[in-house]
Each structure stands twice: as C-alpha cells, then as structure tokens.
Amino acid sequence: MSIGDHIRKIRLKKGYSQQFIADSIGTSQSKFNRIENGKSDILLNDLLEICQILRINYIELLQSSHSDQSIEKDEIEIPELYKGMKSLKSELLEIKERLYSNRGG
C-alpha cells in the first residue's frame, strides 16, 4: 500500500473530504487526488501538514507504507525466483545427463 493509499484510508476513516484536506494544505482537490492515487509526488511540507490534520505520526505512516511495499514486492519476487530455480534445475539435469552419456560413449 502506498503513502497515498494510507492517507486515503485514514482520511476516509476520519470522515474528511479530499477538498477539506486540499484546502487545509493550500492545494487543489485534483492535486490532492493525484497524491492519493500515486500519480503525483507529495512534498514533505504537504505530507507533514496532512499528518497534522489527520493526527497521525508521519514516521509511522512512512514505515507502514514501506513495510507494505516490501511485502508486496516479496509476493511478486518469490514466484519468479521459484520459476528461475526450477528452470536452472532442469538445465543442470540435462547437463548431468549429457556428461554421463558422453563418458560411456
């Protein structure tokens, strides 16, 4: 889950509109929407103000976003690694068979 996703989740839980947060940090609702959707970077000052408005700790927000992304990344990488290992195992077995067949012939 991205920082924007976490902000949206907390904002909705607290009952704030995008327009309210946008007005509070001095930006447009469309810009704030792009931040929540990960289509626009968030400035540090804006992040700190949003955290203040939502009454959340920005360090926890960043850590939770980072740990979630690591989990998502691992979920994607593990199947790919398994496929790669399976492919290597097949190649090694073929090489082993060729070596043994060459010894006898």
C-alpha atoms as a PDB file:
ATOM      1  CA  MET A   1       0.000   0.000   0.000  1.00  0.00           C
ATOM      2  CA  SER A   2       1.428   3.389  -0.971  1.00  0.00           C
ATOM      3  CA  ILE A   3       1.596   6.507   1.176  1.00  0.00           C
ATOM      4  CA  GLY A   4      -1.348   7.898  -0.784  1.00  0.00           C
ATOM      5  CA  ASP A   5      -3.375   4.757  -0.098  1.00  0.00           C
ATOM      6  CA  HIS A   6      -2.650   5.046   3.630  1.00  0.00           C
ATOM      7  CA  ILE A   7      -3.578   8.726   3.630  1.00  0.00           C
ATOM      8  CA  ARG A   8      -6.867   7.950   1.821  1.00  0.00           C
ATOM      9  CA  LYS A   9      -7.698   5.127   4.239  1.00  0.00           C
ATOM     10  CA  ILE A  10      -7.108   7.323   7.301  1.00  0.00           C
ATOM     11  CA  ARG A  11      -8.835  10.349   5.733  1.00  0.00           C
ATOM     12  CA  LEU A  12     -11.966   8.304   4.995  1.00  0.00           C
ATOM     13  CA  LYS A  13     -11.912   6.731   8.456  1.00  0.00           C
ATOM     14  CA  LYS A  14     -11.864  10.220   9.996  1.00  0.00           C
ATOM     15  CA  GLY A  15     -14.582  11.462   7.649  1.00  0.00           C
ATOM     16  CA  TYR A  16     -12.604  14.183   5.878  1.00  0.00           C
ATOM     17  CA  SER A  17     -13.160  15.039   2.225  1.00  0.00           C
ATOM     18  CA  GLN A  18     -10.372  15.463  -0.285  1.00  0.00           C
ATOM     19  CA  GLN A  19     -11.471  19.080  -0.670  1.00  0.00           C
ATOM     20  CA  PHE A  20     -11.076  19.736   3.057  1.00  0.00           C
ATOM     21  CA  ILE A  21      -7.523  18.350   3.132  1.00  0.00           C
ATOM     22  CA  ALA A  22      -6.605  20.132  -0.100  1.00  0.00           C
ATOM     23  CA  ASP A  23      -7.896  23.468   1.224  1.00  0.00           C
ATOM     24  CA  SER A  24      -6.069  22.909   4.502  1.00  0.00           C
ATOM     25  CA  ILE A  25      -2.697  22.409   2.815  1.00  0.00           C
ATOM     26  CA  GLY A  26      -3.275  25.070   0.160  1.00  0.00           C
ATOM     27  CA  THR A  27      -3.607  22.922  -2.944  1.00  0.00           C
ATOM     28  CA  SER A  28      -6.381  21.919  -5.314  1.00  0.00           C
ATOM     29  CA  GLN A  29      -8.631  18.923  -4.804  1.00  0.00           C
ATOM     30  CA  SER A  30      -7.416  17.449  -8.103  1.00  0.00           C
ATOM     31  CA  LYS A  31      -3.775  17.734  -6.999  1.00  0.00           C
ATOM     32  CA  PHE A  32      -4.613  16.042  -3.684  1.00  0.00           C
ATOM     33  CA  ASN A  33      -6.471  13.324  -5.597  1.00  0.00           C
ATOM     34  CA  ARG A  34      -3.345  12.687  -7.695  1.00  0.00           C
ATOM     35  CA  ILE A  35      -1.283  12.448  -4.485  1.00  0.00           C
ATOM     36  CA  GLU A  36      -3.653   9.856  -3.016  1.00  0.00           C
ATOM     37  CA  ASN A  37      -3.628   7.896  -6.264  1.00  0.00           C
ATOM     38  CA  GLY A  38       0.159   7.951  -6.516  1.00  0.00           C
ATOM     39  CA  LYS A  39       0.109   9.986  -9.728  1.00  0.00           C
ATOM     40  CA  SER A  40       1.836  12.978  -8.150  1.00  0.00           C
ATOM     41  CA  ASP A  41       4.687  13.209  -5.691  1.00  0.00           C
ATOM     42  CA  ILE A  42       3.977  14.637  -2.291  1.00  0.00           C
ATOM     43  CA  LEU A  43       6.103  17.461  -0.934  1.00  0.00           C
ATOM     44  CA  LEU A  44       7.499  16.959   2.550  1.00  0.00           C
ATOM     45  CA  ASN A  45       5.758  20.098   3.866  1.00  0.00           C
ATOM     46  CA  ASP A  46       2.428  18.851   2.467  1.00  0.00           C
ATOM     47  CA  LEU A  47       2.991  15.420   3.992  1.00  0.00           C
ATOM     48  CA  LEU A  48       3.706  16.932   7.400  1.00  0.00           C
ATOM     49  CA  GLU A  49       0.608  19.151   7.194  1.00  0.00           C
ATOM     50  CA  ILE A  50      -1.590  16.222   6.112  1.00  0.00           C
ATOM     51  CA  CYS A  51      -0.293  14.151   9.017  1.00  0.00           C
ATOM     52  CA  GLN A  52      -1.019  17.018  11.386  1.00  0.00           C
ATOM     53  CA  ILE A  53      -4.581  17.397  10.047  1.00  0.00           C
ATOM     54  CA  LEU A  54      -5.202  13.644  10.256  1.00  0.00           C
ATOM     55  CA  ARG A  55      -3.463  13.481  13.666  1.00  0.00           C
ATOM     56  CA  ILE A  56      -1.079  10.741  12.611  1.00  0.00           C
ATOM     57  CA  ASN A  57       2.657  10.325  13.043  1.00  0.00           C
ATOM     58  CA  TYR A  58       4.434  10.793   9.713  1.00  0.00           C
ATOM     59  CA  ILE A  59       7.187   8.345  10.677  1.00  0.00           C
ATOM     60  CA  GLU A  60       4.649   5.583  11.287  1.00  0.00           C
ATOM     61  CA  LEU A  61       2.945   6.458   8.000  1.00  0.00           C
ATOM     62  CA  LEU A  62       6.218   6.164   6.091  1.00  0.00           C
ATOM     63  CA  GLN A  63       7.227   2.969   7.885  1.00  0.00           C
ATOM     64  CA  SER A  64       3.873   1.280   7.310  1.00  0.00           C
ATOM     65  CA  SER A  65       3.955   2.245   3.637  1.00  0.00           C
ATOM     66  CA  HIS A  66       7.482   0.913   3.279  1.00  0.00           C
ATOM     67  CA  SER A  67       6.783  -2.366   5.067  1.00  0.00           C
ATOM     68  CA  ASP A  68       3.643  -2.989   2.993  1.00  0.00           C
ATOM     69  CA  GLN A  69       5.550  -2.351  -0.230  1.00  0.00           C
ATOM     70  CA  SER A  70       8.241  -4.808   0.856  1.00  0.00           C
ATOM     71  CA  ILE A  71       5.625  -7.475   1.420  1.00  0.00           C
ATOM     72  CA  GLU A  72       4.013  -6.799  -1.954  1.00  0.00           C
ATOM     73  CA  LYS A  73       7.421  -6.862  -3.641  1.00  0.00           C
ATOM     74  CA  ASP A  74       8.291 -10.199  -1.983  1.00  0.00           C
ATOM     75  CA  GLU A  75       4.969 -11.698  -3.037  1.00  0.00           C
ATOM     76  CA  ILE A  76       5.853 -10.874  -6.635  1.00  0.00           C
ATOM     77  CA  GLU A  77       9.520 -11.904  -6.483  1.00  0.00           C
ATOM     78  CA  ILE A  78       9.145 -15.282  -4.764  1.00  0.00           C
ATOM     79  CA  PRO A  79       7.142 -16.956  -7.576  1.00  0.00           C
ATOM     80  CA  GLU A  80       9.569 -15.522 -10.137  1.00  0.00           C
ATOM     81  CA  LEU A  81      12.555 -16.844  -8.169  1.00  0.00           C
ATOM     82  CA  TYR A  82      10.895 -20.247  -7.898  1.00  0.00           C
ATOM     83  CA  LYS A  83      10.362 -20.365 -11.667  1.00  0.00           C
ATOM     84  CA  GLY A  84      14.000 -19.408 -12.227  1.00  0.00           C
ATOM     85  CA  MET A  85      15.235 -22.076  -9.811  1.00  0.00           C
ATOM     86  CA  LYS A  86      13.032 -24.702 -11.440  1.00  0.00           C
ATOM     87  CA  SER A  87      14.416 -23.756 -14.857  1.00  0.00           C
ATOM     88  CA  LEU A  88      18.013 -23.937 -13.592  1.00  0.00           C
ATOM     89  CA  LYS A  89      17.345 -27.331 -12.044  1.00  0.00           C
ATOM     90  CA  SER A  90      16.097 -28.635 -15.404  1.00  0.00           C
ATOM     91  CA  GLU A  91      19.164 -27.253 -17.180  1.00  0.00           C
ATOM     92  CA  LEU A  92      21.504 -28.829 -14.610  1.00  0.00           C
ATOM     93  CA  LEU A  93      19.794 -32.207 -15.008  1.00  0.00           C
ATOM     94  CA  GLU A  94      20.221 -32.014 -18.787  1.00  0.00           C
ATOM     95  CA  ILE A  95      23.912 -31.152 -18.431  1.00  0.00           C
ATOM     96  CA  LYS A  96      24.393 -34.002 -15.951  1.00  0.00           C
ATOM     97  CA  GLU A  97      22.719 -36.457 -18.337  1.00  0.00           C
ATOM     98  CA  ARG A  98      24.935 -35.302 -21.232  1.00  0.00           C
ATOM     99  CA  LEU A  99      28.069 -35.668 -19.128  1.00  0.00           C
ATOM    100  CA  TYR A 100      27.176 -39.227 -18.118  1.00  0.00           C
ATOM    101  CA  SER A 101      26.181 -40.180 -21.663  1.00  0.00           C
ATOM    102  CA  ASN A 102      29.492 -38.795 -23.025  1.00  0.00           C
ATOM    103  CA  ARG A 103      31.503 -40.849 -20.534  1.00  0.00           C
ATOM    104  CA  GLY A 104      30.014 -44.069 -21.761  1.00  0.00           C
ATOM    105  CA  GLY A 105      30.314 -43.359 -25.472  1.00  0.00           C
END
